[in-house]
mmCIF file of all heavy atoms, coordinates in Angstrom:
data_MODEL
# 
_entry.id   MODEL 
# 
loop_
_atom_site.group_PDB 
_atom_site.id 
_atom_site.type_symbol 
_atom_site.label_atom_id 
_atom_site.label_alt_id 
_atom_site.label_comp_id 
_atom_site.label_asym_id 
_atom_site.label_entity_id 
_atom_site.label_seq_id 
_atom_site.pdbx_PDB_ins_code 
_atom_site.Cartn_x 
_atom_site.Cartn_y 
_atom_site.Cartn_z 
_atom_site.occupancy 
_atom_site.B_iso_or_equiv 
_atom_site.pdbx_formal_charge 
_atom_site.auth_seq_id 
_atom_site.auth_comp_id 
_atom_site.auth_asym_id 
_atom_site.auth_atom_id 
_atom_site.pdbx_PDB_model_num 
ATOM 1   N N   . ASN A 1 1  ? 78.606 61.825 57.276 1.00 0.00 ? 1  ASN A N   1 
ATOM 2   C CA  . ASN A 1 1  ? 78.470 61.616 55.748 1.00 0.00 ? 1  ASN A CA  1 
ATOM 3   C C   . ASN A 1 1  ? 78.681 60.133 55.505 1.00 0.00 ? 1  ASN A C   1 
ATOM 4   O O   . ASN A 1 1  ? 79.710 59.519 55.926 1.00 0.00 ? 1  ASN A O   1 
ATOM 5   C CB  . ASN A 1 1  ? 79.490 62.419 55.023 1.00 0.00 ? 1  ASN A CB  1 
ATOM 6   C CG  . ASN A 1 1  ? 79.055 62.464 53.566 1.00 0.00 ? 1  ASN A CG  1 
ATOM 7   O OD1 . ASN A 1 1  ? 78.918 61.469 52.824 1.00 0.00 ? 1  ASN A OD1 1 
ATOM 8   N ND2 . ASN A 1 1  ? 78.950 63.735 53.064 1.00 0.00 ? 1  ASN A ND2 1 
ATOM 9   N N   . ILE A 1 2  ? 77.691 59.469 54.895 1.00 0.00 ? 2  ILE A N   1 
ATOM 10  C CA  . ILE A 1 2  ? 77.704 58.020 54.630 1.00 0.00 ? 2  ILE A CA  1 
ATOM 11  C C   . ILE A 1 2  ? 79.029 57.610 53.959 1.00 0.00 ? 2  ILE A C   1 
ATOM 12  O O   . ILE A 1 2  ? 79.587 56.606 54.132 1.00 0.00 ? 2  ILE A O   1 
ATOM 13  C CB  . ILE A 1 2  ? 76.469 57.604 53.787 1.00 0.00 ? 2  ILE A CB  1 
ATOM 14  C CG1 . ILE A 1 2  ? 75.229 57.716 54.722 1.00 0.00 ? 2  ILE A CG1 1 
ATOM 15  C CG2 . ILE A 1 2  ? 76.601 56.176 53.334 1.00 0.00 ? 2  ILE A CG2 1 
ATOM 16  C CD1 . ILE A 1 2  ? 73.920 57.440 54.115 1.00 0.00 ? 2  ILE A CD1 1 
ATOM 17  N N   . SER A 1 3  ? 79.501 58.458 53.052 1.00 0.00 ? 3  SER A N   1 
ATOM 18  C CA  . SER A 1 3  ? 80.744 58.274 52.242 1.00 0.00 ? 3  SER A CA  1 
ATOM 19  C C   . SER A 1 3  ? 81.894 57.999 53.141 1.00 0.00 ? 3  SER A C   1 
ATOM 20  O O   . SER A 1 3  ? 82.888 57.384 52.866 1.00 0.00 ? 3  SER A O   1 
ATOM 21  C CB  . SER A 1 3  ? 81.018 59.268 51.274 1.00 0.00 ? 3  SER A CB  1 
ATOM 22  O OG  . SER A 1 3  ? 81.315 60.525 51.896 1.00 0.00 ? 3  SER A OG  1 
ATOM 23  N N   . GLU A 1 4  ? 81.824 58.416 54.404 1.00 0.00 ? 4  GLU A N   1 
ATOM 24  C CA  . GLU A 1 4  ? 82.853 58.384 55.358 1.00 0.00 ? 4  GLU A CA  1 
ATOM 25  C C   . GLU A 1 4  ? 82.527 57.246 56.460 1.00 0.00 ? 4  GLU A C   1 
ATOM 26  O O   . GLU A 1 4  ? 83.379 56.389 56.689 1.00 0.00 ? 4  GLU A O   1 
ATOM 27  C CB  . GLU A 1 4  ? 83.204 59.627 56.092 1.00 0.00 ? 4  GLU A CB  1 
ATOM 28  C CG  . GLU A 1 4  ? 83.608 60.795 55.118 1.00 0.00 ? 4  GLU A CG  1 
ATOM 29  C CD  . GLU A 1 4  ? 83.623 62.133 55.804 1.00 0.00 ? 4  GLU A CD  1 
ATOM 30  O OE1 . GLU A 1 4  ? 83.379 62.168 56.962 1.00 0.00 ? 4  GLU A OE1 1 
ATOM 31  O OE2 . GLU A 1 4  ? 84.067 63.173 55.077 1.00 0.00 ? 4  GLU A OE2 1 
ATOM 32  N N   . THR A 1 5  ? 81.345 57.356 56.991 1.00 0.00 ? 5  THR A N   1 
ATOM 33  C CA  . THR A 1 5  ? 80.967 56.376 58.008 1.00 0.00 ? 5  THR A CA  1 
ATOM 34  C C   . THR A 1 5  ? 80.875 54.990 57.670 1.00 0.00 ? 5  THR A C   1 
ATOM 35  O O   . THR A 1 5  ? 80.973 53.991 58.455 1.00 0.00 ? 5  THR A O   1 
ATOM 36  C CB  . THR A 1 5  ? 79.614 56.817 58.705 1.00 0.00 ? 5  THR A CB  1 
ATOM 37  O OG1 . THR A 1 5  ? 78.640 56.934 57.748 1.00 0.00 ? 5  THR A OG1 1 
ATOM 38  C CG2 . THR A 1 5  ? 79.884 58.222 59.399 1.00 0.00 ? 5  THR A CG2 1 
ATOM 39  N N   . VAL A 1 6  ? 80.530 54.717 56.330 1.00 0.00 ? 6  VAL A N   1 
ATOM 40  C CA  . VAL A 1 6  ? 80.288 53.301 55.911 1.00 0.00 ? 6  VAL A CA  1 
ATOM 41  C C   . VAL A 1 6  ? 81.648 52.559 56.048 1.00 0.00 ? 6  VAL A C   1 
ATOM 42  O O   . VAL A 1 6  ? 81.557 51.322 56.145 1.00 0.00 ? 6  VAL A O   1 
ATOM 43  C CB  . VAL A 1 6  ? 79.810 53.333 54.430 1.00 0.00 ? 6  VAL A CB  1 
ATOM 44  C CG1 . VAL A 1 6  ? 80.805 53.788 53.379 1.00 0.00 ? 6  VAL A CG1 1 
ATOM 45  C CG2 . VAL A 1 6  ? 79.209 51.924 54.062 1.00 0.00 ? 6  VAL A CG2 1 
ATOM 46  N N   . HIS A 1 7  ? 82.696 53.147 55.882 1.00 0.00 ? 7  HIS A N   1 
ATOM 47  C CA  . HIS A 1 7  ? 83.998 52.435 55.826 1.00 0.00 ? 7  HIS A CA  1 
ATOM 48  C C   . HIS A 1 7  ? 84.466 52.034 57.213 1.00 0.00 ? 7  HIS A C   1 
ATOM 49  O O   . HIS A 1 7  ? 85.353 51.134 57.298 1.00 0.00 ? 7  HIS A O   1 
ATOM 50  C CB  . HIS A 1 7  ? 85.055 53.303 55.163 1.00 0.00 ? 7  HIS A CB  1 
ATOM 51  C CG  . HIS A 1 7  ? 84.814 53.789 53.778 1.00 0.00 ? 7  HIS A CG  1 
ATOM 52  N ND1 . HIS A 1 7  ? 84.772 52.810 52.748 1.00 0.00 ? 7  HIS A ND1 1 
ATOM 53  C CD2 . HIS A 1 7  ? 84.539 54.868 53.118 1.00 0.00 ? 7  HIS A CD2 1 
ATOM 54  C CE1 . HIS A 1 7  ? 84.584 53.356 51.613 1.00 0.00 ? 7  HIS A CE1 1 
ATOM 55  N NE2 . HIS A 1 7  ? 84.311 54.570 51.823 1.00 0.00 ? 7  HIS A NE2 1 
ATOM 56  N N   . THR A 1 8  ? 83.923 52.751 58.214 1.00 0.00 ? 8  THR A N   1 
ATOM 57  C CA  . THR A 1 8  ? 84.378 52.428 59.632 1.00 0.00 ? 8  THR A CA  1 
ATOM 58  C C   . THR A 1 8  ? 83.286 51.609 60.395 1.00 0.00 ? 8  THR A C   1 
ATOM 59  O O   . THR A 1 8  ? 83.359 51.523 61.564 1.00 0.00 ? 8  THR A O   1 
ATOM 60  C CB  . THR A 1 8  ? 84.793 53.595 60.393 1.00 0.00 ? 8  THR A CB  1 
ATOM 61  O OG1 . THR A 1 8  ? 83.707 54.518 60.478 1.00 0.00 ? 8  THR A OG1 1 
ATOM 62  C CG2 . THR A 1 8  ? 86.036 54.262 59.729 1.00 0.00 ? 8  THR A CG2 1 
ATOM 63  N N   . LEU A 1 9  ? 82.218 51.281 59.765 1.00 0.00 ? 9  LEU A N   1 
ATOM 64  C CA  . LEU A 1 9  ? 80.956 50.719 60.304 1.00 0.00 ? 9  LEU A CA  1 
ATOM 65  C C   . LEU A 1 9  ? 81.322 49.571 61.246 1.00 0.00 ? 9  LEU A C   1 
ATOM 66  O O   . LEU A 1 9  ? 80.976 49.461 62.404 1.00 0.00 ? 9  LEU A O   1 
ATOM 67  C CB  . LEU A 1 9  ? 80.036 50.369 59.303 1.00 0.00 ? 9  LEU A CB  1 
ATOM 68  C CG  . LEU A 1 9  ? 78.706 49.752 59.853 1.00 0.00 ? 9  LEU A CG  1 
ATOM 69  C CD1 . LEU A 1 9  ? 77.942 50.622 60.803 1.00 0.00 ? 9  LEU A CD1 1 
ATOM 70  C CD2 . LEU A 1 9  ? 77.753 49.372 58.740 1.00 0.00 ? 9  LEU A CD2 1 
ATOM 71  N N   . PHE A 1 10 ? 82.024 48.564 60.592 1.00 0.00 ? 10 PHE A N   1 
ATOM 72  C CA  . PHE A 1 10 ? 82.319 47.348 61.362 1.00 0.00 ? 10 PHE A CA  1 
ATOM 73  C C   . PHE A 1 10 ? 83.577 47.383 62.189 1.00 0.00 ? 10 PHE A C   1 
ATOM 74  O O   . PHE A 1 10 ? 83.594 46.651 63.319 1.00 0.00 ? 10 PHE A O   1 
ATOM 75  C CB  . PHE A 1 10 ? 82.469 46.187 60.378 1.00 0.00 ? 10 PHE A CB  1 
ATOM 76  C CG  . PHE A 1 10 ? 81.195 45.909 59.741 1.00 0.00 ? 10 PHE A CG  1 
ATOM 77  C CD1 . PHE A 1 10 ? 80.940 46.355 58.257 1.00 0.00 ? 10 PHE A CD1 1 
ATOM 78  C CD2 . PHE A 1 10 ? 80.177 45.090 60.225 1.00 0.00 ? 10 PHE A CD2 1 
ATOM 79  C CE1 . PHE A 1 10 ? 79.829 45.982 57.600 1.00 0.00 ? 10 PHE A CE1 1 
ATOM 80  C CE2 . PHE A 1 10 ? 78.949 44.849 59.585 1.00 0.00 ? 10 PHE A CE2 1 
ATOM 81  C CZ  . PHE A 1 10 ? 78.796 45.223 58.294 1.00 0.00 ? 10 PHE A CZ  1 
ATOM 82  N N   . SER A 1 11 ? 84.496 48.185 61.890 1.00 0.00 ? 11 SER A N   1 
ATOM 83  C CA  . SER A 1 11 ? 85.696 48.269 62.700 1.00 0.00 ? 11 SER A CA  1 
ATOM 84  C C   . SER A 1 11 ? 85.443 49.173 63.885 1.00 0.00 ? 11 SER A C   1 
ATOM 85  O O   . SER A 1 11 ? 86.066 48.970 64.959 1.00 0.00 ? 11 SER A O   1 
ATOM 86  C CB  . SER A 1 11 ? 86.853 48.849 61.915 1.00 0.00 ? 11 SER A CB  1 
ATOM 87  O OG  . SER A 1 11 ? 86.526 50.208 61.366 1.00 0.00 ? 11 SER A OG  1 
ATOM 88  N N   . LYS A 1 12 ? 84.594 50.149 63.835 1.00 0.00 ? 12 LYS A N   1 
ATOM 89  C CA  . LYS A 1 12 ? 84.370 51.063 64.894 1.00 0.00 ? 12 LYS A CA  1 
ATOM 90  C C   . LYS A 1 12 ? 83.270 50.747 65.858 1.00 0.00 ? 12 LYS A C   1 
ATOM 91  O O   . LYS A 1 12 ? 83.266 51.118 67.076 1.00 0.00 ? 12 LYS A O   1 
ATOM 92  C CB  . LYS A 1 12 ? 84.112 52.607 64.343 1.00 0.00 ? 12 LYS A CB  1 
ATOM 93  C CG  . LYS A 1 12 ? 84.017 53.666 65.327 1.00 0.00 ? 12 LYS A CG  1 
ATOM 94  C CD  . LYS A 1 12 ? 84.032 55.017 64.641 1.00 0.00 ? 12 LYS A CD  1 
ATOM 95  C CE  . LYS A 1 12 ? 83.977 56.116 65.627 1.00 0.00 ? 12 LYS A CE  1 
ATOM 96  N NZ  . LYS A 1 12 ? 83.863 57.495 65.003 1.00 0.00 ? 12 LYS A NZ  1 
ATOM 97  N N   . HIS A 1 13 ? 82.307 49.955 65.361 1.00 0.00 ? 13 HIS A N   1 
ATOM 98  C CA  . HIS A 1 13 ? 81.193 49.565 66.059 1.00 0.00 ? 13 HIS A CA  1 
ATOM 99  C C   . HIS A 1 13 ? 81.017 48.135 66.192 1.00 0.00 ? 13 HIS A C   1 
ATOM 100 O O   . HIS A 1 13 ? 81.169 47.337 65.320 1.00 0.00 ? 13 HIS A O   1 
ATOM 101 C CB  . HIS A 1 13 ? 79.758 50.132 65.550 1.00 0.00 ? 13 HIS A CB  1 
ATOM 102 C CG  . HIS A 1 13 ? 79.806 51.633 65.254 1.00 0.00 ? 13 HIS A CG  1 
ATOM 103 N ND1 . HIS A 1 13 ? 79.562 52.605 66.206 1.00 0.00 ? 13 HIS A ND1 1 
ATOM 104 C CD2 . HIS A 1 13 ? 80.148 52.297 64.141 1.00 0.00 ? 13 HIS A CD2 1 
ATOM 105 C CE1 . HIS A 1 13 ? 79.723 53.720 65.750 1.00 0.00 ? 13 HIS A CE1 1 
ATOM 106 N NE2 . HIS A 1 13 ? 80.047 53.685 64.550 1.00 0.00 ? 13 HIS A NE2 1 
ATOM 107 N N   . ALA A 1 14 ? 80.717 47.574 67.446 1.00 0.00 ? 14 ALA A N   1 
ATOM 108 C CA  . ALA A 1 14 ? 80.659 46.088 67.688 1.00 0.00 ? 14 ALA A CA  1 
ATOM 109 C C   . ALA A 1 14 ? 79.253 45.632 67.180 1.00 0.00 ? 14 ALA A C   1 
ATOM 110 O O   . ALA A 1 14 ? 78.327 45.426 68.125 1.00 0.00 ? 14 ALA A O   1 
ATOM 111 C CB  . ALA A 1 14 ? 80.956 45.780 69.093 1.00 0.00 ? 14 ALA A CB  1 
ATOM 112 N N   . ILE A 1 15 ? 79.073 45.464 65.959 1.00 0.00 ? 15 ILE A N   1 
ATOM 113 C CA  . ILE A 1 15 ? 77.726 44.995 65.426 1.00 0.00 ? 15 ILE A CA  1 
ATOM 114 C C   . ILE A 1 15 ? 77.840 43.646 64.811 1.00 0.00 ? 15 ILE A C   1 
ATOM 115 O O   . ILE A 1 15 ? 78.999 43.282 64.219 1.00 0.00 ? 15 ILE A O   1 
ATOM 116 C CB  . ILE A 1 15 ? 77.146 46.014 64.485 1.00 0.00 ? 15 ILE A CB  1 
ATOM 117 C CG1 . ILE A 1 15 ? 78.131 46.228 63.252 1.00 0.00 ? 15 ILE A CG1 1 
ATOM 118 C CG2 . ILE A 1 15 ? 76.846 47.200 65.081 1.00 0.00 ? 15 ILE A CG2 1 
ATOM 119 C CD1 . ILE A 1 15 ? 77.496 47.149 62.242 1.00 0.00 ? 15 ILE A CD1 1 
ATOM 120 N N   . PRO A 1 16 ? 76.860 42.824 64.857 1.00 0.00 ? 16 PRO A N   1 
ATOM 121 C CA  . PRO A 1 16 ? 76.837 41.510 64.252 1.00 0.00 ? 16 PRO A CA  1 
ATOM 122 C C   . PRO A 1 16 ? 76.818 41.508 62.721 1.00 0.00 ? 16 PRO A C   1 
ATOM 123 O O   . PRO A 1 16 ? 76.815 42.668 62.113 1.00 0.00 ? 16 PRO A O   1 
ATOM 124 C CB  . PRO A 1 16 ? 75.624 40.860 64.755 1.00 0.00 ? 16 PRO A CB  1 
ATOM 125 C CG  . PRO A 1 16 ? 74.660 41.958 65.124 1.00 0.00 ? 16 PRO A CG  1 
ATOM 126 C CD  . PRO A 1 16 ? 75.617 43.047 65.498 1.00 0.00 ? 16 PRO A CD  1 
ATOM 127 N N   . PRO A 1 17 ? 77.002 40.428 62.041 1.00 0.00 ? 17 PRO A N   1 
ATOM 128 C CA  . PRO A 1 17 ? 76.952 40.349 60.548 1.00 0.00 ? 17 PRO A CA  1 
ATOM 129 C C   . PRO A 1 17 ? 75.603 41.103 59.921 1.00 0.00 ? 17 PRO A C   1 
ATOM 130 O O   . PRO A 1 17 ? 74.620 41.092 60.547 1.00 0.00 ? 17 PRO A O   1 
ATOM 131 C CB  . PRO A 1 17 ? 76.979 38.882 60.266 1.00 0.00 ? 17 PRO A CB  1 
ATOM 132 C CG  . PRO A 1 17 ? 77.567 38.215 61.466 1.00 0.00 ? 17 PRO A CG  1 
ATOM 133 C CD  . PRO A 1 17 ? 77.064 39.164 62.682 1.00 0.00 ? 17 PRO A CD  1 
ATOM 134 N N   . LEU A 1 18 ? 75.946 41.591 58.765 1.00 0.00 ? 18 LEU A N   1 
ATOM 135 C CA  . LEU A 1 18 ? 74.935 42.253 58.088 1.00 0.00 ? 18 LEU A CA  1 
ATOM 136 C C   . LEU A 1 18 ? 73.874 41.249 57.514 1.00 0.00 ? 18 LEU A C   1 
ATOM 137 O O   . LEU A 1 18 ? 74.156 40.246 56.939 1.00 0.00 ? 18 LEU A O   1 
ATOM 138 C CB  . LEU A 1 18 ? 75.510 43.094 56.844 1.00 0.00 ? 18 LEU A CB  1 
ATOM 139 C CG  . LEU A 1 18 ? 74.655 43.852 56.009 1.00 0.00 ? 18 LEU A CG  1 
ATOM 140 C CD1 . LEU A 1 18 ? 73.987 44.996 56.880 1.00 0.00 ? 18 LEU A CD1 1 
ATOM 141 C CD2 . LEU A 1 18 ? 75.499 44.567 54.730 1.00 0.00 ? 18 LEU A CD2 1 
ATOM 142 N N   . GLY A 1 19 ? 72.594 41.627 57.871 1.00 0.00 ? 19 GLY A N   1 
ATOM 143 C CA  . GLY A 1 19 ? 71.466 40.702 57.401 1.00 0.00 ? 19 GLY A CA  1 
ATOM 144 C C   . GLY A 1 19 ? 70.514 41.372 56.431 1.00 0.00 ? 19 GLY A C   1 
ATOM 145 O O   . GLY A 1 19 ? 69.935 40.728 55.577 1.00 0.00 ? 19 GLY A O   1 
ATOM 146 N N   . PHE A 1 20 ? 70.274 42.650 56.563 1.00 0.00 ? 20 PHE A N   1 
ATOM 147 C CA  . PHE A 1 20 ? 69.324 43.276 55.781 1.00 0.00 ? 20 PHE A CA  1 
ATOM 148 C C   . PHE A 1 20 ? 69.734 44.842 55.561 1.00 0.00 ? 20 PHE A C   1 
ATOM 149 O O   . PHE A 1 20 ? 70.250 45.346 56.543 1.00 0.00 ? 20 PHE A O   1 
ATOM 150 C CB  . PHE A 1 20 ? 67.841 43.269 56.340 1.00 0.00 ? 20 PHE A CB  1 
ATOM 151 C CG  . PHE A 1 20 ? 66.894 44.206 55.673 1.00 0.00 ? 20 PHE A CG  1 
ATOM 152 C CD1 . PHE A 1 20 ? 66.512 43.904 54.433 1.00 0.00 ? 20 PHE A CD1 1 
ATOM 153 C CD2 . PHE A 1 20 ? 66.203 45.095 56.411 1.00 0.00 ? 20 PHE A CD2 1 
ATOM 154 C CE1 . PHE A 1 20 ? 65.565 44.796 53.783 1.00 0.00 ? 20 PHE A CE1 1 
ATOM 155 C CE2 . PHE A 1 20 ? 65.328 45.944 55.895 1.00 0.00 ? 20 PHE A CE2 1 
ATOM 156 C CZ  . PHE A 1 20 ? 64.970 45.718 54.509 1.00 0.00 ? 20 PHE A CZ  1 
ATOM 157 N N   . VAL A 1 21 ? 69.502 45.337 54.411 1.00 0.00 ? 21 VAL A N   1 
ATOM 158 C CA  . VAL A 1 21 ? 69.864 46.694 54.095 1.00 0.00 ? 21 VAL A CA  1 
ATOM 159 C C   . VAL A 1 21 ? 68.751 47.463 53.371 1.00 0.00 ? 21 VAL A C   1 
ATOM 160 O O   . VAL A 1 21 ? 68.187 46.852 52.463 1.00 0.00 ? 21 VAL A O   1 
ATOM 161 C CB  . VAL A 1 21 ? 71.161 46.760 53.206 1.00 0.00 ? 21 VAL A CB  1 
ATOM 162 C CG1 . VAL A 1 21 ? 71.386 48.224 52.813 1.00 0.00 ? 21 VAL A CG1 1 
ATOM 163 C CG2 . VAL A 1 21 ? 72.308 46.169 53.894 1.00 0.00 ? 21 VAL A CG2 1 
ATOM 164 N N   . SER A 1 22 ? 68.389 48.631 53.911 1.00 0.00 ? 22 SER A N   1 
ATOM 165 C CA  . SER A 1 22 ? 67.523 49.529 53.172 1.00 0.00 ? 22 SER A CA  1 
ATOM 166 C C   . SER A 1 22 ? 68.298 50.770 52.814 1.00 0.00 ? 22 SER A C   1 
ATOM 167 O O   . SER A 1 22 ? 69.003 51.403 53.677 1.00 0.00 ? 22 SER A O   1 
ATOM 168 C CB  . SER A 1 22 ? 66.312 49.908 54.084 1.00 0.00 ? 22 SER A CB  1 
ATOM 169 O OG  . SER A 1 22 ? 65.556 50.891 53.547 1.00 0.00 ? 22 SER A OG  1 
ATOM 170 N N   . ILE A 1 23 ? 68.078 51.211 51.509 1.00 0.00 ? 23 ILE A N   1 
ATOM 171 C CA  . ILE A 1 23 ? 68.745 52.399 51.105 1.00 0.00 ? 23 ILE A CA  1 
ATOM 172 C C   . ILE A 1 23 ? 67.716 53.403 50.495 1.00 0.00 ? 23 ILE A C   1 
ATOM 173 O O   . ILE A 1 23 ? 67.028 53.095 49.557 1.00 0.00 ? 23 ILE A O   1 
ATOM 174 C CB  . ILE A 1 23 ? 69.806 52.149 49.994 1.00 0.00 ? 23 ILE A CB  1 
ATOM 175 C CG1 . ILE A 1 23 ? 70.844 51.121 50.487 1.00 0.00 ? 23 ILE A CG1 1 
ATOM 176 C CG2 . ILE A 1 23 ? 70.432 53.401 49.475 1.00 0.00 ? 23 ILE A CG2 1 
ATOM 177 C CD1 . ILE A 1 23 ? 71.868 50.805 49.482 1.00 0.00 ? 23 ILE A CD1 1 
ATOM 178 N N   . ASP A 1 24 ? 67.517 54.585 51.208 1.00 0.00 ? 24 ASP A N   1 
ATOM 179 C CA  . ASP A 1 24 ? 66.684 55.520 50.794 1.00 0.00 ? 24 ASP A CA  1 
ATOM 180 C C   . ASP A 1 24 ? 67.336 57.020 51.054 1.00 0.00 ? 24 ASP A C   1 
ATOM 181 O O   . ASP A 1 24 ? 66.977 57.642 52.012 1.00 0.00 ? 24 ASP A O   1 
ATOM 182 C CB  . ASP A 1 24 ? 65.234 55.568 51.413 1.00 0.00 ? 24 ASP A CB  1 
ATOM 183 C CG  . ASP A 1 24 ? 64.293 56.544 51.030 1.00 0.00 ? 24 ASP A CG  1 
ATOM 184 O OD1 . ASP A 1 24 ? 64.594 57.280 50.005 1.00 0.00 ? 24 ASP A OD1 1 
ATOM 185 O OD2 . ASP A 1 24 ? 63.219 56.708 51.571 1.00 0.00 ? 24 ASP A OD2 1 
# 
């Protein structure tokens, strides 16, 4: 559920800075 996974996105996954976002 995005309401949960969005909060741990950067702490749990080693991903670079956010550059582009698509929401659908």
